[in-house]
């Protein structure tokens, strides 16, 4: 007894055309003979799915099936058993769409077996100074290049690849599977459409050989960490004279001893003594342009205070602009005090007033008020 067509596809009886097609595509992918070689149950299920969809996608056949069930197609009804699969019709159209997805557009003819070469990746680490000024770097990349003996054809000099006798140059072969045919990659030429009777001795018929190449890479000023530079056509050579792939240079910046980068801006943390912060003073910092810049510290400077040095940061990539350098103050507390230093600090503490440390005095005053409020 045949299974119900709606149950076969796993849809409700009121399913629309879109739902039917979606269910059919999903099941056809699952039970396709190419994905289940030698599995007779999967092949039988695949045929059942096709028969169910062929019937239900046709409004007239579906109406007859809804009324009479499988009996509508027995004894020659509605064009004969199974809904007239002999002509394939729209059934072949939907399989054409599915096969195109499963086989990567396999119905397109091959271009003499030529295939694009693979893309390559090269990791390069540069310093912040190099990113600031830019540079031209020389790198050596092991890759596949076109064989100069056969000019990439893979055939021995004086000979040429010939059209594959199995597939006639299409790179695909068809095999009958019940009421439809399935297209597969040609097992003789492996989808290239051509075969080589006399392979090149240097590349063994591959059309390319492995060699280390020296390349020049331009690193523009202002380049950022993580930037990817593409060198078109500098990847692996294509197969049988196909186009070369691309080479991608991935840049990373080495950590710097003094500067941290944020876009086009630089940050530098500078420790200063407690007395310099209290009394004021000045110091000089080196910048990436090779100069030194004087930074003046006003008296009473607090910890983490920032000073901006305009235009002393990084170049903005491919623009005539510069970022800024921010100097962040880190006040260092005195350590390893001798007796006289301790006496002086203790004396300073005795003569200090709230005006000398307004933030500290204000904080503890507010904290006192907070606790008094809780105890009331």
Protein backbone atom coordinates (compact mmCIF):
# COMPACT_ATOMS: atom_id res chain seq x y z
CA UNK A 1 0.00 0.00 0.00
CA UNK A 2 1.39 3.36 -1.02
CA UNK A 3 2.08 5.93 1.64
CA UNK A 4 0.04 9.12 1.74
CA UNK A 5 1.71 11.79 -0.42
CA UNK A 6 1.29 14.49 2.22
CA UNK A 7 2.83 12.24 4.88
CA UNK A 8 5.68 11.38 2.50
CA UNK A 9 6.56 15.06 2.16
CA UNK A 10 5.78 15.82 5.80
CA UNK A 11 3.31 18.65 5.07
CA UNK A 12 -0.29 19.42 6.00
CA UNK A 13 -3.06 18.81 3.45
CA UNK A 14 -3.56 22.54 3.16
CA UNK A 15 0.11 23.29 2.39
CA UNK A 16 0.67 25.87 -0.33
CA UNK A 17 3.05 25.59 -3.29
CA UNK A 18 5.91 27.23 -1.41
CA UNK A 19 5.65 24.79 1.51
CA UNK A 20 5.50 21.83 -0.86
CA UNK A 21 8.58 22.92 -2.74
CA UNK A 22 10.54 23.62 0.45
CA UNK A 23 9.68 20.20 1.91
CA UNK A 24 10.57 18.45 -1.33
CA UNK A 25 13.94 20.20 -1.64
CA UNK A 26 14.89 19.36 1.93
CA UNK A 27 14.01 15.67 1.61
CA UNK A 28 15.53 15.34 -1.86
CA UNK A 29 18.82 16.64 -0.50
CA UNK A 30 18.65 14.18 2.39
CA UNK A 31 17.88 11.04 0.36
CA UNK A 32 19.72 11.85 -2.86
CA UNK A 33 21.54 8.72 -4.20
CA UNK A 34 24.80 10.65 -4.42
CA UNK A 35 24.68 11.21 -0.68
CA UNK A 36 23.59 7.63 0.05
CA UNK A 37 25.56 5.40 -2.37
CA UNK A 38 24.42 1.79 -2.33
CA UNK A 39 21.52 2.50 0.06
CA UNK A 40 18.44 0.94 -1.58
CA UNK A 41 16.10 2.26 1.13
CA UNK A 42 17.28 5.83 0.53
CA UNK A 43 16.88 5.36 -3.23
CA UNK A 44 13.33 4.06 -2.76
CA UNK A 45 12.50 6.95 -0.43
CA UNK A 46 13.95 9.37 -2.97
CA UNK A 47 11.61 8.02 -5.66
CA UNK A 48 8.61 8.23 -3.31
CA UNK A 49 9.41 11.88 -2.56
CA UNK A 50 9.63 12.69 -6.26
CA UNK A 51 6.36 10.93 -7.05
CA UNK A 52 4.55 12.72 -4.21
CA UNK A 53 5.80 16.13 -5.22
CA UNK A 54 5.10 15.58 -8.93
CA UNK A 55 1.48 14.89 -8.06
CA UNK A 56 0.83 17.55 -5.43
CA UNK A 57 2.50 20.42 -7.29
CA UNK A 58 0.01 20.04 -10.17
CA UNK A 59 -3.37 21.62 -9.16
CA UNK A 60 -5.44 19.17 -11.26
CA UNK A 61 -3.59 16.07 -10.05
CA UNK A 62 -3.72 17.31 -6.48
CA UNK A 63 -7.47 17.90 -6.66
CA UNK A 64 -7.99 14.38 -7.99
CA UNK A 65 -5.71 12.90 -5.32
CA UNK A 66 -7.48 14.81 -2.53
CA UNK A 67 -10.80 13.34 -3.73
CA UNK A 68 -9.92 9.79 -4.75
CA UNK A 69 -6.46 9.17 -3.28
CA UNK A 70 -4.10 6.86 -5.17
CA UNK A 71 -7.07 5.36 -7.02
CA UNK A 72 -7.23 8.54 -9.11
CA UNK A 73 -4.10 7.43 -11.00
CA UNK A 74 -4.82 3.73 -11.39
CA UNK A 75 -6.09 2.16 -14.63
CA UNK A 76 -4.78 5.02 -16.70
CA UNK A 77 -6.48 7.78 -14.73
CA UNK A 78 -4.88 11.26 -14.94
CA UNK A 79 -2.24 10.13 -17.40
CA UNK A 80 -1.17 6.81 -15.90
CA UNK A 81 0.49 5.50 -12.79
CA UNK A 82 2.56 7.84 -10.74
CA UNK A 83 1.20 10.96 -12.39
CA UNK A 84 3.01 10.71 -15.71
CA UNK A 85 6.70 10.82 -14.78
CA UNK A 86 7.90 9.82 -18.19
CA UNK A 87 7.98 13.37 -19.50
CA UNK A 88 9.63 14.78 -16.37
CA UNK A 89 8.46 18.35 -17.13
CA UNK A 90 8.45 20.62 -14.10
CA UNK A 91 9.88 17.75 -12.04
CA UNK A 92 13.15 18.05 -13.97
CA UNK A 93 13.14 21.81 -13.45
CA UNK A 94 13.12 21.57 -9.68
CA UNK A 95 15.86 18.91 -9.76
CA UNK A 96 17.91 21.14 -12.02
CA UNK A 97 17.74 23.80 -9.32
CA UNK A 98 18.67 21.35 -6.57
CA UNK A 99 21.53 19.76 -8.50
CA UNK A 100 22.89 23.21 -9.24
CA UNK A 101 23.22 23.86 -5.50
CA UNK A 102 24.55 20.41 -4.62
CA UNK A 103 27.14 20.31 -7.40
CA UNK A 104 28.18 23.93 -7.57
CA UNK A 105 26.54 24.74 -10.87
CA UNK A 106 27.78 21.54 -12.49
CA UNK A 107 25.96 22.08 -15.79
CA UNK A 108 28.33 24.81 -16.81
CA UNK A 109 30.99 23.61 -19.25
CA UNK A 110 34.58 23.58 -18.07
CA UNK A 111 37.07 25.96 -19.63
CA UNK A 112 39.66 23.42 -20.69
CA UNK A 113 40.27 22.30 -17.12
CA UNK A 114 41.55 25.71 -16.03
CA UNK A 115 40.96 26.48 -12.38
CA UNK A 116 41.74 29.54 -10.28
CA UNK A 117 44.65 29.19 -7.89
CA UNK A 118 44.16 29.31 -4.12
CA UNK A 119 44.49 32.53 -2.12
CA UNK A 120 47.42 32.71 0.30
CA UNK A 121 47.85 34.38 3.71
CA UNK A 122 51.04 35.94 5.07
CA UNK A 123 51.30 37.28 8.64
CA UNK A 124 53.59 40.30 9.08
CA UNK A 125 54.51 42.02 12.35
CA UNK A 126 55.76 45.62 12.24
CA UNK A 127 56.80 48.18 14.86
CA UNK A 128 54.84 51.29 15.79
CA UNK A 129 57.66 53.38 14.32
CA UNK A 130 57.28 51.53 10.99
CA UNK A 131 53.54 52.08 11.06
CA UNK A 132 54.17 55.78 11.71
CA UNK A 133 56.62 56.32 8.85
CA UNK A 134 55.49 53.61 6.43
CA UNK A 135 57.92 51.27 4.70
CA UNK A 136 58.53 48.97 1.78
CA UNK A 137 59.02 45.43 3.06
CA UNK A 138 60.54 42.47 1.24
CA UNK A 139 58.95 39.11 1.99
CA UNK A 140 59.58 35.58 0.77
CA UNK A 141 56.52 33.44 0.11
CA UNK A 142 56.56 29.72 -0.78
CA UNK A 143 53.84 29.22 -3.40
CA UNK A 144 52.87 27.43 -6.58
CA UNK A 145 53.86 29.13 -9.82
CA UNK A 146 53.08 28.33 -13.45
CA UNK A 147 55.39 25.65 -14.85
CA UNK A 148 57.72 27.28 -17.37
CA UNK A 149 58.33 23.96 -19.12
CA UNK A 150 54.74 23.45 -20.30
CA UNK A 151 53.47 27.04 -19.82
CA UNK A 152 50.87 25.76 -17.38
CA UNK A 153 49.14 23.30 -19.69
CA UNK A 154 50.40 20.24 -17.82
CA UNK A 155 51.19 18.51 -21.13
CA UNK A 156 54.64 17.57 -22.36
CA UNK A 157 56.13 20.28 -24.64
CA UNK A 158 55.01 19.64 -28.20
CA UNK A 159 51.74 18.00 -27.08
CA UNK A 160 48.41 19.34 -25.87
CA UNK A 161 45.59 18.18 -23.59
CA UNK A 162 42.85 16.34 -25.46
CA UNK A 163 39.10 16.37 -25.02
CA UNK A 164 37.91 13.76 -22.54
CA UNK A 165 36.28 10.82 -24.35
CA UNK A 166 34.08 9.96 -21.38
CA UNK A 167 32.27 13.30 -20.99
CA UNK A 168 32.98 14.90 -24.37
CA UNK A 169 34.63 17.87 -22.71
CA UNK A 170 31.73 18.87 -20.43
CA UNK A 171 33.34 17.60 -17.25
CA UNK A 172 30.02 15.93 -16.29
CA UNK A 173 28.44 12.55 -16.98
CA UNK A 174 24.82 11.47 -16.62
CA UNK A 175 23.55 8.27 -15.08
CA UNK A 176 19.95 7.01 -15.16
CA UNK A 177 18.23 6.75 -11.79
CA UNK A 178 14.76 5.37 -12.39
CA UNK A 179 12.56 8.03 -13.99
CA UNK A 180 15.21 10.76 -14.05
CA UNK A 181 18.90 11.15 -14.74
CA UNK A 182 21.62 12.33 -12.34
CA UNK A 183 24.63 14.36 -13.36
CA UNK A 184 28.00 13.67 -11.73
CA UNK A 185 31.59 14.84 -12.06
CA UNK A 186 33.35 12.92 -14.80
CA UNK A 187 35.52 10.21 -13.14
CA UNK A 188 38.03 10.24 -16.00
CA UNK A 189 38.96 13.93 -16.20
CA UNK A 190 37.68 14.88 -12.70
CA UNK A 191 35.52 17.64 -14.12
CA UNK A 192 38.21 19.35 -16.20
CA UNK A 193 36.86 18.26 -19.58
CA UNK A 194 40.34 17.36 -20.83
CA UNK A 195 42.89 14.63 -20.25
CA UNK A 196 46.66 14.59 -20.68
CA UNK A 197 48.20 11.63 -22.45
CA UNK A 198 51.81 12.82 -22.16
CA UNK A 199 52.24 14.81 -18.90
CA UNK A 200 55.01 17.34 -18.44
CA UNK A 201 57.95 15.75 -16.64
CA UNK A 202 58.76 18.87 -14.64
CA UNK A 203 55.32 19.42 -13.06
CA UNK A 204 53.92 15.88 -13.48
CA UNK A 205 50.96 17.20 -15.40
CA UNK A 206 49.87 19.73 -12.76
CA UNK A 207 50.84 22.79 -14.79
CA UNK A 208 52.54 24.38 -11.78
CA UNK A 209 55.51 23.88 -9.48
CA UNK A 210 56.32 25.00 -5.92
CA UNK A 211 58.85 27.78 -5.52
CA UNK A 212 59.73 30.53 -3.02
CA UNK A 213 59.22 34.02 -4.38
CA UNK A 214 60.43 37.40 -3.16
CA UNK A 215 57.77 40.10 -3.13
CA UNK A 216 57.78 43.80 -2.30
CA UNK A 217 54.99 45.04 -0.01
CA UNK A 218 54.21 48.73 0.43
CA UNK A 219 53.18 49.58 4.02
CA UNK A 220 51.55 53.05 3.98
CA UNK A 221 52.09 55.51 6.84
CA UNK A 222 49.32 55.32 9.44
CA UNK A 223 48.50 51.66 8.81
CA UNK A 224 46.51 50.15 11.69
CA UNK A 225 46.79 46.87 13.55
CA UNK A 226 44.81 44.09 11.86
CA UNK A 227 44.83 45.71 8.42
CA UNK A 228 44.71 43.32 5.46
CA UNK A 229 46.68 44.17 2.31
CA UNK A 230 45.70 42.34 -0.89
CA UNK A 231 48.24 41.59 -3.61
CA UNK A 232 46.16 40.61 -6.64
CA UNK A 233 47.42 37.63 -8.59
CA UNK A 234 50.27 36.87 -6.17
CA UNK A 235 48.68 33.74 -4.70
CA UNK A 236 49.01 30.22 -6.04
CA UNK A 237 49.13 29.76 -9.79
CA UNK A 238 45.96 28.42 -11.39
CA UNK A 239 45.61 24.84 -12.57
CA UNK A 240 46.24 24.22 -16.28
CA UNK A 241 46.81 27.89 -17.01
CA UNK A 242 43.92 29.21 -14.89
CA UNK A 243 44.14 32.62 -13.16
CA UNK A 244 46.29 32.96 -10.05
CA UNK A 245 44.83 33.51 -6.63
CA UNK A 246 45.56 36.51 -4.41
CA UNK A 247 48.00 37.00 -1.54
CA UNK A 248 46.66 38.62 1.63
CA UNK A 249 49.11 40.30 4.04
CA UNK A 250 47.71 40.47 7.59
CA UNK A 251 49.50 43.14 9.64
CA UNK A 252 49.95 43.22 13.40
CA UNK A 253 51.78 45.84 15.49
CA UNK A 254 54.34 44.93 18.12
CA UNK A 255 53.63 46.34 21.61
CA UNK A 256 55.58 49.57 22.23
CA UNK A 257 57.62 50.33 25.31
CA UNK A 258 56.16 53.82 25.86
CA UNK A 259 53.14 54.41 23.62
CA UNK A 260 49.70 52.86 23.33
CA UNK A 261 47.69 53.49 20.19
CA UNK A 262 44.00 54.24 19.76
CA UNK A 263 43.25 54.96 16.11
CA UNK A 264 45.36 57.93 15.13
CA UNK A 265 45.97 59.01 18.76
CA UNK A 266 48.81 57.93 21.02
CA UNK A 267 48.85 57.68 24.81
CA UNK A 268 51.88 57.79 27.08
CA UNK A 269 51.82 57.39 30.86
CA UNK A 270 54.55 59.49 32.54
CA UNK A 271 55.39 59.04 36.23
CA UNK A 272 56.34 62.22 38.12
CA UNK A 273 57.31 62.82 41.74
CA UNK A 274 54.85 64.00 44.36
CA UNK A 275 56.79 67.25 44.81
CA UNK A 276 56.74 68.02 41.06
CA UNK A 277 52.99 67.48 41.03
CA UNK A 278 52.56 69.75 44.08
CA UNK A 279 55.03 72.51 43.16
CA UNK A 280 54.84 72.30 39.37
CA UNK A 281 57.65 71.66 36.92
CA UNK A 282 58.38 70.41 33.44
CA UNK A 283 59.85 67.48 31.53
CA UNK A 284 60.53 66.45 27.91
CA UNK A 285 59.04 63.48 26.05
CA UNK A 286 60.30 61.97 22.81
CA UNK A 287 57.76 61.66 19.98
CA UNK A 288 57.63 59.33 16.96
CA UNK A 289 58.60 62.12 14.56
CA UNK A 290 62.09 62.10 16.12
CA UNK A 291 61.73 65.30 18.14
CA UNK A 292 61.31 66.08 21.82
CA UNK A 293 58.45 68.10 23.22
CA UNK A 294 58.43 69.95 26.55
CA UNK A 295 55.46 69.38 28.85
CA UNK A 296 54.78 71.94 31.58
CA UNK A 297 53.20 70.72 34.81
CA UNK A 298 51.20 73.33 36.77
CA UNK A 299 51.35 73.21 40.57
CA UNK A 300 48.68 71.07 42.19
CA UNK A 301 48.48 68.62 39.25
CA UNK A 302 46.40 65.59 40.20
CA UNK A 303 47.02 61.94 39.36
CA UNK A 304 45.76 60.77 35.89
CA UNK A 305 45.67 64.34 34.59
CA UNK A 306 46.08 64.34 30.77
CA UNK A 307 47.95 66.84 28.64
CA UNK A 308 47.29 66.93 24.90
CA UNK A 309 50.10 67.44 22.40
CA UNK A 310 48.29 68.31 19.20
CA UNK A 311 49.55 66.73 15.98
CA UNK A 312 52.07 64.49 17.75
CA UNK A 313 50.14 61.26 17.27
CA UNK A 314 49.92 58.90 14.27
CA UNK A 315 49.34 59.88 10.64
CA UNK A 316 45.77 59.37 9.46
CA UNK A 317 45.88 56.72 6.72
CA UNK A 318 45.95 58.27 3.24
CA UNK A 319 45.02 61.71 4.61
CA UNK A 320 47.14 64.83 5.30
CA UNK A 321 46.18 64.81 8.96
CA UNK A 322 47.79 63.77 12.24
CA UNK A 323 46.40 62.43 15.48
CA UNK A 324 47.32 63.72 18.94
CA UNK A 325 49.60 62.51 21.73
CA UNK A 326 48.08 62.40 25.21
CA UNK A 327 50.41 62.50 28.21
CA UNK A 328 48.82 60.94 31.29
CA UNK A 329 50.35 61.85 34.66
CA UNK A 330 51.03 59.12 37.21
CA UNK A 331 52.07 60.60 40.56
CA UNK A 332 54.61 58.41 42.34
CA UNK A 333 54.44 58.14 46.12
CA UNK A 334 57.89 58.44 47.78
CA UNK A 335 59.41 55.18 48.99
CA UNK A 336 62.36 54.19 51.21
CA UNK A 337 62.26 57.44 53.22
CA UNK A 338 65.18 58.30 55.48
CA UNK A 339 64.71 59.84 58.90
CA UNK A 340 64.98 63.45 57.75
CA UNK A 341 62.54 62.94 54.86
CA UNK A 342 60.02 61.35 57.18
CA UNK A 343 60.34 64.24 59.66
CA UNK A 344 59.72 66.77 56.89
CA UNK A 345 56.64 64.94 55.64
CA UNK A 346 55.27 64.59 59.15
CA UNK A 347 55.81 68.29 59.70
CA UNK A 348 54.07 69.04 56.40
CA UNK A 349 51.13 66.90 57.50
CA UNK A 350 50.82 68.86 60.77
CA UNK A 351 50.78 72.25 59.08
CA UNK A 352 48.49 71.15 56.20
CA UNK A 353 44.90 72.36 56.01
CA UNK A 354 41.81 71.18 54.21
CA UNK A 355 42.62 73.60 51.40
CA UNK A 356 45.76 71.60 50.59
CA UNK A 357 43.78 68.39 49.96
CA UNK A 358 40.21 69.46 49.10
CA UNK A 359 39.19 66.16 47.46
CA UNK A 360 40.33 64.05 50.40
CA UNK A 361 38.82 66.40 52.99
CA UNK A 362 35.54 66.64 51.07
CA UNK A 363 35.25 62.87 50.65
CA UNK A 364 35.66 62.06 54.33
CA UNK A 365 33.33 64.89 55.31
CA UNK A 366 30.59 63.43 53.09
CA UNK A 367 31.29 59.94 54.39
CA UNK A 368 30.88 61.17 57.97
CA UNK A 369 27.54 62.74 57.13
CA UNK A 370 26.43 59.49 55.49
CA UNK A 371 27.11 57.39 58.60
CA UNK A 372 25.52 59.96 60.90
CA UNK A 373 22.40 59.79 58.76
CA UNK A 374 22.26 56.00 59.11
CA UNK A 375 22.49 56.14 62.93
CA UNK A 376 19.62 58.59 63.38
